[in-house]
Every structure is written in structure tokens, then in C-alpha cells.
Amino acid sequence: MIYCVIPPELEGELYDRMVEYYKDNPNVSVIVDRREGNDRRSGSEDSPDAGQRELRDRRRVRLPGTFPQT
């Protein structure tokens, strides 16, 4: 799937034209970007959302001890 993302400022101008342009291509979806707020990926320390993301190791902890040969 390919997404053609239209910024909200240009929605009135571009959205209908892009939908018409890509109507015959089922692999393209035209969407309007509706995200709001700060981008937490930017890493800026002065944003109020900074530090909320935490990367953790999701693997299971190995059980202690040894296992018999099979």
C-alpha cells in the first residue's frame, strides 16, 4: 500500500485532485495528515513530551538453572 499524504493546509486544494488522479490505482490511498502536537521522535529536550518514550527489551527472561540433555 502506498499512501499519498496531504497536509491539512492543502486539503481543499489537493485532496479531490489526488483522489481523482489515483482512482484507478488500488495500491494508492490518499489521506489527510491530521496529527497534532509535538513530534516525540525529534529528541528535543525542551518539549513537554520529552522523555516519555522508553525502549525496553521485550524478550523473555531465561529461567535460571540448567536443563538436562535431550
N, C-alpha and C. Protein backbone atom coordinates (compact mmCIF):
# COMPACT_ATOMS: atom_id res chain seq x y z
N MET A 1 0.85 -1.18 0.00
CA MET A 1 0.00 0.00 0.00
C MET A 1 0.89 1.24 0.00
N ILE A 2 0.55 2.20 -0.82
CA ILE A 2 1.24 3.48 -0.89
C ILE A 2 0.27 4.54 -0.41
N TYR A 3 0.73 5.42 0.48
CA TYR A 3 -0.10 6.49 1.00
C TYR A 3 0.35 7.81 0.41
N CYS A 4 -0.58 8.54 -0.15
CA CYS A 4 -0.34 9.91 -0.61
C CYS A 4 -0.87 10.80 0.50
N VAL A 5 0.03 11.41 1.27
CA VAL A 5 -0.36 12.19 2.45
C VAL A 5 -0.46 13.67 2.08
N ILE A 6 -1.61 14.23 2.32
CA ILE A 6 -1.89 15.64 2.03
C ILE A 6 -1.83 16.42 3.33
N PRO A 7 -1.05 17.52 3.39
CA PRO A 7 -1.06 18.33 4.61
C PRO A 7 -2.40 19.03 4.78
N PRO A 8 -2.82 19.27 6.02
CA PRO A 8 -4.15 19.86 6.25
C PRO A 8 -4.32 21.23 5.59
N GLU A 9 -3.24 21.98 5.45
CA GLU A 9 -3.32 23.31 4.84
C GLU A 9 -3.72 23.24 3.37
N LEU A 10 -3.39 22.12 2.70
CA LEU A 10 -3.66 21.98 1.27
C LEU A 10 -4.81 21.02 0.97
N GLU A 11 -5.54 20.62 1.98
CA GLU A 11 -6.61 19.64 1.80
C GLU A 11 -7.65 20.11 0.77
N GLY A 12 -8.13 21.33 0.90
CA GLY A 12 -9.14 21.84 -0.01
C GLY A 12 -8.67 21.93 -1.44
N GLU A 13 -7.39 22.19 -1.61
CA GLU A 13 -6.83 22.38 -2.95
C GLU A 13 -6.43 21.06 -3.62
N LEU A 14 -5.88 20.11 -2.84
CA LEU A 14 -5.28 18.91 -3.45
C LEU A 14 -6.05 17.61 -3.27
N TYR A 15 -6.81 17.47 -2.20
CA TYR A 15 -7.38 16.16 -1.87
C TYR A 15 -8.22 15.58 -3.02
N ASP A 16 -9.19 16.34 -3.50
CA ASP A 16 -10.06 15.82 -4.57
C ASP A 16 -9.27 15.54 -5.84
N ARG A 17 -8.30 16.38 -6.15
CA ARG A 17 -7.49 16.14 -7.36
C ARG A 17 -6.66 14.87 -7.24
N MET A 18 -6.09 14.61 -6.07
CA MET A 18 -5.27 13.41 -5.88
C MET A 18 -6.13 12.14 -5.87
N VAL A 19 -7.33 12.22 -5.27
CA VAL A 19 -8.23 11.06 -5.29
C VAL A 19 -8.60 10.73 -6.73
N GLU A 20 -8.90 11.74 -7.52
CA GLU A 20 -9.24 11.52 -8.93
C GLU A 20 -8.04 10.96 -9.71
N TYR A 21 -6.86 11.48 -9.43
CA TYR A 21 -5.65 11.05 -10.13
C TYR A 21 -5.33 9.57 -9.85
N TYR A 22 -5.51 9.13 -8.61
CA TYR A 22 -5.15 7.77 -8.21
C TYR A 22 -6.35 6.82 -8.15
N LYS A 23 -7.51 7.20 -8.68
CA LYS A 23 -8.70 6.36 -8.55
C LYS A 23 -8.54 4.99 -9.21
N ASP A 24 -7.73 4.87 -10.26
CA ASP A 24 -7.56 3.60 -10.96
C ASP A 24 -6.43 2.75 -10.38
N ASN A 25 -5.74 3.24 -9.38
CA ASN A 25 -4.63 2.51 -8.79
C ASN A 25 -5.05 2.03 -7.39
N PRO A 26 -5.36 0.73 -7.23
CA PRO A 26 -5.82 0.24 -5.93
C PRO A 26 -4.71 0.19 -4.87
N ASN A 27 -3.46 0.39 -5.27
CA ASN A 27 -2.35 0.35 -4.32
C ASN A 27 -2.07 1.70 -3.68
N VAL A 28 -2.78 2.74 -4.08
CA VAL A 28 -2.54 4.08 -3.55
C VAL A 28 -3.77 4.54 -2.78
N SER A 29 -3.54 5.03 -1.57
CA SER A 29 -4.59 5.58 -0.74
C SER A 29 -4.24 7.03 -0.41
N VAL A 30 -5.16 7.95 -0.67
CA VAL A 30 -4.94 9.37 -0.41
C VAL A 30 -5.52 9.68 0.97
N ILE A 31 -4.70 10.26 1.84
CA ILE A 31 -5.14 10.59 3.20
C ILE A 31 -4.71 12.01 3.55
N VAL A 32 -5.39 12.58 4.53
CA VAL A 32 -5.05 13.91 5.04
C VAL A 32 -4.36 13.73 6.39
N ASP A 33 -3.22 14.37 6.55
CA ASP A 33 -2.47 14.29 7.81
C ASP A 33 -3.21 15.06 8.88
N ARG A 34 -3.68 14.37 9.91
CA ARG A 34 -4.44 15.01 10.98
C ARG A 34 -3.70 14.98 12.32
N ARG A 35 -2.43 14.65 12.28
CA ARG A 35 -1.66 14.61 13.54
C ARG A 35 -1.52 16.00 14.13
N GLU A 36 -1.53 16.07 15.45
CA GLU A 36 -1.34 17.33 16.16
C GLU A 36 -0.36 17.11 17.29
N GLY A 37 0.21 18.18 17.78
CA GLY A 37 1.10 18.09 18.93
C GLY A 37 2.55 17.96 18.52
N ASN A 38 3.38 17.75 19.52
CA ASN A 38 4.82 17.66 19.31
C ASN A 38 5.22 16.29 18.77
N ASP A 39 6.27 16.26 18.00
CA ASP A 39 6.82 15.02 17.49
C ASP A 39 7.84 14.52 18.51
N ARG A 40 7.51 13.43 19.20
CA ARG A 40 8.39 12.93 20.26
C ARG A 40 9.67 12.33 19.72
N ARG A 41 9.71 12.00 18.42
CA ARG A 41 10.92 11.42 17.84
C ARG A 41 12.03 12.43 17.68
N SER A 42 11.71 13.72 17.70
CA SER A 42 12.70 14.75 17.41
C SER A 42 13.81 14.79 18.46
N GLY A 43 13.53 14.37 19.67
CA GLY A 43 14.56 14.31 20.70
C GLY A 43 14.86 15.64 21.35
N SER A 44 14.06 16.66 21.12
CA SER A 44 14.32 17.94 21.75
C SER A 44 14.00 17.85 23.23
N GLU A 45 14.90 18.30 24.04
CA GLU A 45 14.77 18.19 25.49
C GLU A 45 13.78 19.21 26.06
N ASP A 46 13.49 20.29 25.32
CA ASP A 46 12.64 21.33 25.86
C ASP A 46 11.15 21.06 25.64
N SER A 47 10.81 20.00 24.91
CA SER A 47 9.39 19.71 24.70
C SER A 47 8.81 19.04 25.94
N PRO A 48 7.53 19.28 26.23
CA PRO A 48 6.93 18.67 27.42
C PRO A 48 6.80 17.16 27.31
N ASP A 49 6.82 16.61 26.09
CA ASP A 49 6.70 15.17 25.90
C ASP A 49 8.04 14.45 25.93
N ALA A 50 9.12 15.19 26.04
CA ALA A 50 10.45 14.57 26.02
C ALA A 50 10.61 13.61 27.18
N GLY A 51 11.16 12.47 26.92
CA GLY A 51 11.42 11.50 27.97
C GLY A 51 10.29 10.55 28.24
N GLN A 52 9.18 10.67 27.55
CA GLN A 52 8.07 9.75 27.79
C GLN A 52 8.30 8.40 27.14
N ARG A 53 9.04 8.36 26.05
CA ARG A 53 9.28 7.09 25.37
C ARG A 53 10.40 6.34 26.07
N GLU A 54 10.19 5.07 26.24
CA GLU A 54 11.20 4.24 26.88
C GLU A 54 11.34 2.96 26.07
N LEU A 55 12.55 2.70 25.61
CA LEU A 55 12.79 1.46 24.88
C LEU A 55 13.16 0.38 25.87
N ARG A 56 12.50 -0.75 25.75
CA ARG A 56 12.76 -1.85 26.68
C ARG A 56 13.04 -3.11 25.90
N ASP A 57 13.72 -4.02 26.54
CA ASP A 57 13.98 -5.32 25.96
C ASP A 57 12.76 -6.19 26.22
N ARG A 58 12.09 -6.62 25.16
CA ARG A 58 10.84 -7.36 25.32
C ARG A 58 11.04 -8.86 25.35
N ARG A 59 12.27 -9.31 25.23
CA ARG A 59 12.49 -10.75 25.25
C ARG A 59 12.23 -11.30 26.65
N ARG A 60 11.79 -12.54 26.70
CA ARG A 60 11.55 -13.17 28.00
C ARG A 60 12.86 -13.43 28.71
N VAL A 61 12.81 -13.33 30.02
CA VAL A 61 13.98 -13.62 30.83
C VAL A 61 14.16 -15.14 30.86
N ARG A 62 15.39 -15.61 30.65
CA ARG A 62 15.66 -17.04 30.66
C ARG A 62 15.55 -17.57 32.09
N LEU A 63 14.96 -18.73 32.22
CA LEU A 63 14.83 -19.33 33.53
C LEU A 63 16.19 -19.69 34.08
N PRO A 64 16.40 -19.46 35.38
CA PRO A 64 17.70 -19.82 35.96
C PRO A 64 17.89 -21.34 36.04
N GLY A 65 19.13 -21.76 36.01
CA GLY A 65 19.43 -23.19 36.17
C GLY A 65 19.86 -23.82 34.85
N THR A 66 20.07 -25.11 34.92
CA THR A 66 20.49 -25.85 33.74
C THR A 66 19.40 -26.81 33.33
N PHE A 67 19.44 -27.26 32.13
CA PHE A 67 18.43 -28.16 31.61
C PHE A 67 19.10 -29.48 31.21
N PRO A 68 18.42 -30.62 31.43
CA PRO A 68 19.02 -31.91 31.08
C PRO A 68 19.15 -32.08 29.56
N GLN A 69 20.11 -32.88 29.14
CA GLN A 69 20.29 -33.17 27.72
C GLN A 69 19.08 -33.93 27.21
N THR A 70 18.68 -33.69 26.01
CA THR A 70 17.53 -34.41 25.43
C THR A 70 17.98 -35.53 24.53
